[in-house]
C-alpha atoms as a PDB file:
ATOM      1  CA  MET A   1       0.000   0.000   0.000  1.00  0.00           C
ATOM      2  CA  ILE A   2       1.262   3.429  -0.842  1.00  0.00           C
ATOM      3  CA  LEU A   3       0.692   4.623   2.737  1.00  0.00           C
ATOM      4  CA  ALA A   4       2.947   1.906   4.077  1.00  0.00           C
ATOM      5  CA  ILE A   5       5.649   2.335   1.455  1.00  0.00           C
ATOM      6  CA  VAL A   6       5.960   6.129   1.502  1.00  0.00           C
ATOM      7  CA  ARG A   7       6.304   6.588   5.256  1.00  0.00           C
ATOM      8  CA  GLU A   8       8.366   9.765   5.014  1.00  0.00           C
ATOM      9  CA  ILE A   9       5.515  11.507   3.185  1.00  0.00           C
ATOM     10  CA  ASN A  10       3.102  10.393   5.896  1.00  0.00           C
ATOM     11  CA  ALA A  11       5.455  11.596   8.626  1.00  0.00           C
ATOM     12  CA  ALA A  12       5.532  15.064   7.063  1.00  0.00           C
ATOM     13  CA  THR A  13       1.813  15.396   6.332  1.00  0.00           C
ATOM     14  CA  LYS A  14      -0.130  18.313   7.724  1.00  0.00           C
ATOM     15  CA  LEU A  15      -3.369  16.294   7.564  1.00  0.00           C
ATOM     16  CA  LYS A  16      -5.065  15.513  10.853  1.00  0.00           C
ATOM     17  CA  PHE A  17      -7.163  12.380  11.286  1.00  0.00           C
ATOM     18  CA  THR A  18     -10.063  11.654  13.616  1.00  0.00           C
ATOM     19  CA  TYR A  19     -10.601   7.939  14.294  1.00  0.00           C
ATOM     20  CA  SER A  20     -13.637   6.174  15.754  1.00  0.00           C
ATOM     21  CA  ALA A  21     -13.832   2.519  16.785  1.00  0.00           C
ATOM     22  CA  PHE A  22     -17.632   2.740  17.198  1.00  0.00           C
ATOM     23  CA  HIS A  23     -17.459   0.970  20.572  1.00  0.00           C
ATOM     24  CA  GLY A  24     -15.752  -1.980  18.935  1.00  0.00           C
ATOM     25  CA  VAL A  25     -12.386  -3.709  18.774  1.00  0.00           C
ATOM     26  CA  GLY A  26     -10.624  -1.553  16.167  1.00  0.00           C
ATOM     27  CA  TYR A  27      -8.972   1.140  18.304  1.00  0.00           C
ATOM     28  CA  ARG A  28      -5.732  -0.674  19.129  1.00  0.00           C
ATOM     29  CA  TYR A  29      -5.298  -1.903  15.546  1.00  0.00           C
ATOM     30  CA  ALA A  30      -6.060   1.462  13.970  1.00  0.00           C
ATOM     31  CA  MET A  31      -3.543   3.206  16.198  1.00  0.00           C
ATOM     32  CA  ARG A  32      -0.948   0.615  15.202  1.00  0.00           C
ATOM     33  CA  MET A  33      -1.839   1.136  11.533  1.00  0.00           C
ATOM     34  CA  PHE A  34      -1.286   4.892  11.785  1.00  0.00           C
ATOM     35  CA  LYS A  35       2.029   4.292  13.559  1.00  0.00           C
ATOM     36  CA  GLU A  36       3.212   1.649  11.057  1.00  0.00           C
ATOM     37  CA  PHE A  37       2.324   3.935   8.165  1.00  0.00           C
ATOM     38  CA  GLY A  38       4.536   6.619   9.706  1.00  0.00           C
ATOM     39  CA  PHE A  39       1.975   9.199  10.797  1.00  0.00           C
ATOM     40  CA  ALA A  40       3.024  11.419  13.705  1.00  0.00           C
ATOM     41  CA  GLU A  41       1.032  10.834  16.896  1.00  0.00           C
ATOM     42  CA  ASP A  42      -0.097  14.459  16.995  1.00  0.00           C
ATOM     43  CA  ARG A  43      -1.841  13.960  13.638  1.00  0.00           C
ATOM     44  CA  ILE A  44      -4.290  11.404  15.097  1.00  0.00           C
ATOM     45  CA  VAL A  45      -7.115  11.872  17.577  1.00  0.00           C
ATOM     46  CA  SER A  46      -9.591   9.236  18.713  1.00  0.00           C
ATOM     47  CA  VAL A  47     -13.253   9.790  19.478  1.00  0.00           C
ATOM     48  CA  LYS A  48     -12.750   9.053  23.182  1.00  0.00           C
ATOM     49  CA  GLU A  49     -16.417   8.289  23.845  1.00  0.00           C
ATOM     50  CA  GLN A  50     -16.297   5.466  21.260  1.00  0.00           C
ATOM     51  CA  GLN A  51     -12.802   4.010  21.575  1.00  0.00           C
ATOM     52  CA  GLU A  52     -13.544   1.260  24.136  1.00  0.00           C
ATOM     53  CA  ALA A  53     -15.596  -1.824  23.305  1.00  0.00           C
ATOM     54  CA  ASP A  54     -19.164  -1.624  24.606  1.00  0.00           C
ATOM     55  CA  PRO A  55     -21.821  -4.013  23.255  1.00  0.00           C
ATOM     56  CA  ASP A  56     -24.578  -1.517  24.133  1.00  0.00           C
ATOM     57  CA  PHE A  57     -23.179   1.098  21.675  1.00  0.00           C
ATOM     58  CA  PRO A  58     -24.431   3.952  23.889  1.00  0.00           C
ATOM     59  CA  THR A  59     -23.439   6.879  21.658  1.00  0.00           C
ATOM     60  CA  VAL A  60     -24.878   5.806  18.302  1.00  0.00           C
ATOM     61  CA  PRO A  61     -28.370   4.848  17.119  1.00  0.00           C
ATOM     62  CA  PHE A  62     -26.879   2.108  14.914  1.00  0.00           C
ATOM     63  CA  PRO A  63     -23.207   1.047  15.221  1.00  0.00           C
ATOM     64  CA  ASN A  64     -22.163   1.057  11.582  1.00  0.00           C
ATOM     65  CA  PRO A  65     -20.275   3.972  10.036  1.00  0.00           C
ATOM     66  CA  GLU A  66     -21.759   3.353   6.596  1.00  0.00           C
ATOM     67  CA  GLU A  67     -25.040   4.696   7.983  1.00  0.00           C
ATOM     68  CA  GLY A  68     -23.528   8.131   7.362  1.00  0.00           C
ATOM     69  CA  ALA A  69     -23.893  11.460   9.119  1.00  0.00           C
ATOM     70  CA  LYS A  70     -26.438  10.345  11.714  1.00  0.00           C
ATOM     71  CA  VAL A  71     -23.901   7.979  13.318  1.00  0.00           C
ATOM     72  CA  LEU A  72     -20.830  10.142  12.748  1.00  0.00           C
ATOM     73  CA  LEU A  73     -21.955  13.073  14.907  1.00  0.00           C
ATOM     74  CA  LEU A  74     -19.291  12.527  17.590  1.00  0.00           C
ATOM     75  CA  SER A  75     -16.681  12.055  14.875  1.00  0.00           C
ATOM     76  CA  PHE A  76     -17.700  15.356  13.272  1.00  0.00           C
ATOM     77  CA  ALA A  77     -17.588  17.140  16.644  1.00  0.00           C
ATOM     78  CA  THR A  78     -14.179  15.665  17.510  1.00  0.00           C
ATOM     79  CA  ALA A  79     -12.820  16.516  14.065  1.00  0.00           C
ATOM     80  CA  GLU A  80     -14.106  20.073  14.353  1.00  0.00           C
ATOM     81  CA  ALA A  81     -12.573  20.525  17.824  1.00  0.00           C
ATOM     82  CA  TYR A  82      -9.233  19.026  16.763  1.00  0.00           C
ATOM     83  CA  GLY A  83      -9.077  20.563  13.287  1.00  0.00           C
ATOM     84  CA  SER A  84      -9.131  17.230  11.444  1.00  0.00           C
ATOM     85  CA  THR A  85      -9.945  17.083   7.768  1.00  0.00           C
ATOM     86  CA  VAL A  86     -10.188  13.283   7.541  1.00  0.00           C
ATOM     87  CA  ILE A  87     -12.420  10.943   9.553  1.00  0.00           C
ATOM     88  CA  VAL A  88     -11.693   7.209   9.671  1.00  0.00           C
ATOM     89  CA  ALA A  89     -14.272   4.974  11.366  1.00  0.00           C
ATOM     90  CA  ASN A  90     -14.532   1.204  11.756  1.00  0.00           C
ATOM     91  CA  ASP A  91     -17.650  -0.764  12.444  1.00  0.00           C
ATOM     92  CA  PRO A  92     -17.524  -2.580  15.827  1.00  0.00           C
ATOM     93  CA  ASP A  93     -15.844  -5.765  14.573  1.00  0.00           C
ATOM     94  CA  ALA A  94     -13.472  -3.661  12.426  1.00  0.00           C
ATOM     95  CA  ASP A  95     -14.111  -5.475   9.155  1.00  0.00           C
ATOM     96  CA  ARG A  96     -15.517  -2.383   7.420  1.00  0.00           C
ATOM     97  CA  ILE A  97     -14.268   1.167   7.245  1.00  0.00           C
ATOM     98  CA  GLN A  98     -15.697   4.583   6.464  1.00  0.00           C
ATOM     99  CA  ILE A  99     -13.400   7.403   5.390  1.00  0.00           C
ATOM    100  CA  ALA A 100     -14.704  10.923   4.956  1.00  0.00           C
ATOM    101  CA  GLU A 101     -12.816  14.047   3.947  1.00  0.00           C
ATOM    102  CA  LYS A 102     -13.919  17.526   4.897  1.00  0.00           C
ATOM    103  CA  LYS A 103     -14.257  19.967   2.057  1.00  0.00           C
ATOM    104  CA  SER A 104     -17.195  22.264   2.546  1.00  0.00           C
ATOM    105  CA  LYS A 105     -18.724  19.210   4.228  1.00  0.00           C
ATOM    106  CA  TYR A 106     -17.714  15.567   4.647  1.00  0.00           C
ATOM    107  CA  ASP A 107     -18.304  13.578   1.484  1.00  0.00           C
ATOM    108  CA  GLY A 108     -17.592  10.160   0.036  1.00  0.00           C
ATOM    109  CA  ILE A 109     -16.552  11.269  -3.443  1.00  0.00           C
ATOM    110  CA  SER A 110     -12.961  12.121  -2.610  1.00  0.00           C
ATOM    111  CA  THR A 111     -12.841   8.908  -0.582  1.00  0.00           C
ATOM    112  CA  ALA A 112     -13.829   6.891  -3.653  1.00  0.00           C
ATOM    113  CA  ALA A 113     -11.111   8.624  -5.671  1.00  0.00           C
ATOM    114  CA  MET A 114      -8.553   7.825  -2.960  1.00  0.00           C
ATOM    115  CA  PHE A 115      -9.430   4.113  -3.009  1.00  0.00           C
ATOM    116  CA  ALA A 116      -9.312   4.064  -6.828  1.00  0.00           C
ATOM    117  CA  GLU A 117      -5.821   5.579  -6.679  1.00  0.00           C
ATOM    118  CA  MET A 118      -4.717   3.001  -4.077  1.00  0.00           C
ATOM    119  CA  ALA A 119      -6.116   0.151  -6.196  1.00  0.00           C
ATOM    120  CA  ALA A 120      -4.319   1.455  -9.298  1.00  0.00           C
ATOM    121  CA  TRP A 121      -1.046   1.700  -7.373  1.00  0.00           C
ATOM    122  CA  LEU A 122      -1.431  -1.827  -5.966  1.00  0.00           C
ATOM    123  CA  GLU A 123      -1.909  -3.118  -9.514  1.00  0.00           C
ATOM    124  CA  THR A 124       1.467  -1.631 -10.506  1.00  0.00           C
ATOM    125  CA  GLN A 125       3.130  -3.455  -7.588  1.00  0.00           C
ATOM    126  CA  LYS A 126       1.850  -6.883  -8.653  1.00  0.00           C
ATOM    127  CA  LYS A 127       0.933  -7.588  -5.039  1.00  0.00           C
ATOM    128  CA  THR A 128      -2.424  -8.140  -3.453  1.00  0.00           C
ATOM    129  CA  LEU A 129      -3.639  -6.016  -0.586  1.00  0.00           C
ATOM    130  CA  GLN A 130      -3.302  -9.115   1.590  1.00  0.00           C
ATOM    131  CA  ASP A 131       0.368  -9.469   0.580  1.00  0.00           C
ATOM    132  CA  GLN A 132       0.990  -5.813   1.464  1.00  0.00           C
ATOM    133  CA  LEU A 133      -0.658  -6.177   4.873  1.00  0.00           C
ATOM    134  CA  PHE A 134       1.293  -9.355   5.655  1.00  0.00           C
ATOM    135  CA  GLU A 135       4.528  -7.479   4.908  1.00  0.00           C
ATOM    136  CA  ILE A 136       3.556  -4.754   7.372  1.00  0.00           C
ATOM    137  CA  TYR A 137       2.355  -6.967  10.222  1.00  0.00           C
ATOM    138  CA  ASN A 138       4.951  -9.720   9.931  1.00  0.00           C
ATOM    139  CA  LYS A 139       8.073  -7.579  10.094  1.00  0.00           C
END
């Protein structure tokens, strides 16, 4: 993955990220991902109210980030307070992800373009996403 390969670019980025685990298991893994990809710790903030696992999901009406704005309210508030332009949220079992970028509002269009760019880059590397992830986590 380009984020894992170009760590020096990530280390120098001015982007700030807000992350939500949606009361699930993703927090520890997401923080490791940001670290492995070379992002500075001061570029990442977690939605504190949602970072610990809680099967009652007390802060969201439905615990899946793909439900959109109605479940991302705490993420939006945290991002606004911290000055983040990118929100990354996992569903509770961390097998799905939502990424939103703030322009005049948070949208999914730039997110789709980002994933298309990542897919195109992976194709040039002749490696699967799984191969890339194994390289990162097995070093």
